[in-house]
Protein backbone atom coordinates (compact mmCIF):
# COMPACT_ATOMS: atom_id res chain seq x y z
CA UNK A 1 -16.16 55.54 -5.53
CA UNK A 2 -14.07 52.80 -3.98
CA UNK A 3 -15.60 49.33 -4.35
CA UNK A 4 -15.47 46.43 -1.92
CA UNK A 5 -16.55 42.82 -2.38
CA UNK A 6 -18.00 41.36 0.81
CA UNK A 7 -18.54 37.60 0.59
CA UNK A 8 -20.49 35.75 3.24
CA UNK A 9 -19.96 31.98 3.14
CA UNK A 10 -22.82 29.57 3.69
CA UNK A 11 -25.04 26.97 2.07
CA UNK A 12 -28.33 27.67 0.30
CA UNK A 13 -31.53 25.98 1.46
CA UNK A 14 -33.84 26.20 4.46
CA UNK A 15 -32.16 23.28 6.26
CA UNK A 16 -28.92 25.33 6.46
CA UNK A 17 -30.48 28.68 7.41
CA UNK A 18 -29.07 30.19 10.61
CA UNK A 19 -26.71 27.28 11.27
CA UNK A 20 -23.21 27.96 12.59
CA UNK A 21 -21.75 27.20 9.14
CA UNK A 22 -23.99 29.89 7.59
CA UNK A 23 -22.88 32.78 9.79
CA UNK A 24 -21.41 34.52 6.72
CA UNK A 25 -24.92 34.73 5.23
CA UNK A 26 -26.37 35.98 8.54
CA UNK A 27 -23.77 38.75 8.88
CA UNK A 28 -24.48 39.97 5.33
CA UNK A 29 -28.25 39.85 5.90
CA UNK A 30 -27.80 42.02 8.99
CA UNK A 31 -25.44 44.37 7.10
CA UNK A 32 -28.15 44.88 4.47
CA UNK A 33 -30.87 45.45 7.07
CA UNK A 34 -28.70 48.17 8.63
CA UNK A 35 -27.85 49.82 5.31
CA UNK A 36 -31.17 49.35 3.50
CA UNK A 37 -30.18 47.01 0.70
CA UNK A 38 -31.78 43.82 -0.59
CA UNK A 39 -30.48 40.68 -2.26
CA UNK A 40 -31.47 39.56 -5.71
CA UNK A 41 -30.66 36.27 -7.35
CA UNK A 42 -27.92 36.68 -9.95
CA UNK A 43 -25.12 34.63 -11.47
CA UNK A 44 -23.80 32.03 -8.95
CA UNK A 45 -25.01 34.09 -5.99
CA UNK A 46 -27.49 36.34 -4.26
CA UNK A 47 -26.07 39.82 -4.74
CA UNK A 48 -26.77 43.25 -3.28
CA UNK A 49 -25.17 46.66 -3.69
CA UNK A 50 -24.89 49.08 -0.77
CA UNK A 51 -23.57 52.64 -0.96
CA UNK A 52 -22.25 54.08 2.31
CA UNK A 53 -19.87 56.96 3.10
CA UNK A 54 -18.61 57.19 -0.47
CA UNK A 55 -17.96 53.44 -0.71
CA UNK A 56 -19.74 50.76 -2.73
CA UNK A 57 -20.18 47.35 -1.16
CA UNK A 58 -20.98 44.45 -3.48
CA UNK A 59 -22.40 41.86 -1.06
CA UNK A 60 -22.36 38.27 -2.26
CA UNK A 61 -23.89 35.10 -0.82
CA UNK A 62 -22.79 32.25 -3.14
CA UNK A 63 -25.54 29.87 -4.29
CA UNK A 64 -22.94 27.30 -5.33
CA UNK A 65 -22.82 25.52 -1.96
CA UNK A 66 -19.87 25.94 0.35
CA UNK A 67 -17.31 23.76 -1.43
CA UNK A 68 -17.62 25.74 -4.69
CA UNK A 69 -17.50 29.23 -3.12
CA UNK A 70 -14.44 30.18 -5.20
CA UNK A 71 -16.48 30.20 -8.40
CA UNK A 72 -18.84 32.94 -7.17
CA UNK A 73 -16.00 34.85 -5.48
CA UNK A 74 -13.91 35.03 -8.67
CA UNK A 75 -16.86 35.75 -10.97
CA UNK A 76 -18.03 38.77 -8.94
CA UNK A 77 -14.54 40.06 -8.21
CA UNK A 78 -13.77 40.06 -11.96
CA UNK A 79 -17.19 41.37 -13.02
CA UNK A 80 -17.06 44.30 -10.60
CA UNK A 81 -13.31 44.87 -11.20
CA UNK A 82 -12.49 44.75 -7.49
CA UNK A 83 -8.91 44.25 -6.32
CA UNK A 84 -8.24 41.24 -4.10
CA UNK A 85 -7.20 43.39 -1.14
CA UNK A 86 -10.63 45.08 -1.29
CA UNK A 87 -12.43 41.80 -0.70
CA UNK A 88 -13.54 40.49 2.68
CA UNK A 89 -14.68 36.90 3.21
CA UNK A 90 -16.82 36.19 6.28
CA UNK A 91 -16.56 32.64 7.55
CA UNK A 92 -17.27 30.44 10.59
CA UNK A 93 -14.24 29.23 12.56
CA UNK A 94 -14.19 26.23 14.91
CA UNK A 95 -10.74 27.08 16.25
CA UNK A 96 -11.91 30.40 17.71
CA UNK A 97 -13.93 30.65 20.92
CA UNK A 98 -17.47 31.96 20.64
CA UNK A 99 -16.42 35.30 22.18
CA UNK A 100 -13.89 36.05 19.40
CA UNK A 101 -13.67 37.30 15.85
CA UNK A 102 -10.38 37.38 13.96
CA UNK A 103 -9.49 39.57 11.00
CA UNK A 104 -6.53 38.47 8.88
CA UNK A 105 -4.90 39.71 5.65
CA UNK A 106 -4.14 36.12 4.63
CA UNK A 107 -3.92 32.64 6.09
CA UNK A 108 -4.67 29.00 5.42
CA UNK A 109 -8.12 27.49 4.87
CA UNK A 110 -7.78 25.66 8.24
CA UNK A 111 -9.76 22.75 6.79
CA UNK A 112 -12.74 24.95 5.81
CA UNK A 113 -14.14 23.77 2.46
CA UNK A 114 -15.35 27.22 1.39
CA UNK A 115 -11.94 28.81 2.00
CA UNK A 116 -10.22 25.79 0.43
CA UNK A 117 -12.12 26.33 -2.82
CA UNK A 118 -11.52 30.10 -2.86
CA UNK A 119 -7.79 29.52 -2.32
CA UNK A 120 -7.72 26.91 -5.09
CA UNK A 121 -9.62 29.20 -7.49
CA UNK A 122 -7.51 32.29 -6.75
CA UNK A 123 -4.20 30.43 -6.44
CA UNK A 124 -3.41 32.29 -3.19
CA UNK A 125 -4.45 32.47 0.46
CA UNK A 126 -3.54 36.18 0.61
CA UNK A 127 -7.04 37.65 0.74
CA UNK A 128 -8.69 39.24 3.81
CA UNK A 129 -10.91 37.06 5.97
CA UNK A 130 -13.14 37.78 8.93
CA UNK A 131 -13.29 34.60 10.99
CA UNK A 132 -16.34 34.36 13.25
CA UNK A 133 -15.59 32.10 16.21
CA UNK A 134 -18.22 29.38 16.70
CA UNK A 135 -16.33 27.50 19.43
CA UNK A 136 -15.79 23.75 19.46
CA UNK A 137 -18.26 22.56 22.07
CA UNK A 138 -18.94 19.13 20.60
CA UNK A 139 -18.16 15.51 21.42
CA UNK A 140 -15.64 13.49 19.40
CA UNK A 141 -17.07 12.60 16.00
CA UNK A 142 -19.83 15.23 16.25
CA UNK A 143 -18.08 18.05 14.37
CA UNK A 144 -20.33 17.99 11.28
CA UNK A 145 -23.52 17.97 13.37
CA UNK A 146 -22.17 20.85 15.45
CA UNK A 147 -21.15 23.00 12.46
CA UNK A 148 -24.44 22.34 10.64
CA UNK A 149 -26.43 22.80 13.86
CA UNK A 150 -28.20 25.93 15.05
CA UNK A 151 -27.13 28.16 17.93
CA UNK A 152 -28.28 27.13 21.39
CA UNK A 153 -30.98 29.47 22.80
CA UNK A 154 -28.54 30.81 25.41
CA UNK A 155 -26.02 31.71 22.67
CA UNK A 156 -28.36 33.77 20.50
CA UNK A 157 -27.98 37.13 22.25
CA UNK A 158 -24.19 36.87 22.12
CA UNK A 159 -24.28 35.86 18.44
CA UNK A 160 -26.48 38.87 17.62
CA UNK A 161 -23.98 41.11 19.41
CA UNK A 162 -21.11 39.50 17.46
CA UNK A 163 -23.00 40.03 14.21
CA UNK A 164 -23.28 43.75 15.10
CA UNK A 165 -19.53 43.86 15.81
CA UNK A 166 -18.86 42.10 12.50
CA UNK A 167 -20.85 44.79 10.66
CA UNK A 168 -18.69 47.42 12.38
CA UNK A 169 -15.60 45.51 11.18
CA UNK A 170 -16.86 45.55 7.57
CA UNK A 171 -17.47 49.32 7.78
CA UNK A 172 -14.11 49.92 9.44
CA UNK A 173 -12.28 47.74 6.88
CA UNK A 174 -13.67 49.96 4.11
CA UNK A 175 -13.01 53.29 5.86
CA UNK A 176 -9.80 53.02 7.94
CA UNK A 177 -8.28 49.97 6.23
CA UNK A 178 -7.32 46.42 7.12
CA UNK A 179 -4.34 47.02 9.43
CA UNK A 180 -6.08 49.46 11.78
CA UNK A 181 -9.27 47.39 11.79
CA UNK A 182 -7.29 44.25 12.69
CA UNK A 183 -5.92 46.02 15.76
CA UNK A 184 -9.45 46.82 16.95
CA UNK A 185 -11.24 43.59 15.95
CA UNK A 186 -8.64 41.07 17.07
CA UNK A 187 -8.50 42.52 20.56
CA UNK A 188 -12.23 42.18 21.15
CA UNK A 189 -13.57 39.76 23.72
CA UNK A 190 -17.27 39.89 22.99
CA UNK A 191 -19.43 39.20 26.00
CA UNK A 192 -22.91 40.17 27.10
CA UNK A 193 -23.14 42.80 29.80
CA UNK A 194 -24.01 41.18 33.09
């Protein structure tokens, strides 16, 4: 059975739950609800295993805090003997509008501390990432408050729809591969039906 490591980035603790910065955790939680798995506390992370369509997904939410995400990533990749191209890191992205997700085979950390640490730990930026657009609707100097803030009530339905789309991207990544999934995911403009 082919194995995939799906890493959702976020921070542990109730004060960070469901913030924009924790969208990686929220996507994985929803993935597990859909596929009937559950997280258990393990080394450096909350970890769950999901079997689906002949694939094994090792789902990891690091408990190391965002800026040490690389530690959990590398530990579980090595432990489960998963190749780097079979990993997918789910992360919030300020540079993308709220209607977009972006799947990439590689790319810089774009100032994101979680990605920065993974890149430093792995010694490469060539690992697949699913960037979840959170928009940049904040005043000058308010970036940290915005990123660590919760979704506005009028954004929640759209975010739930984007989480569903992100789950489809994870499934597609594992079944039809990165290139074909990129073509589908990167063309999406996710909006609520009027």
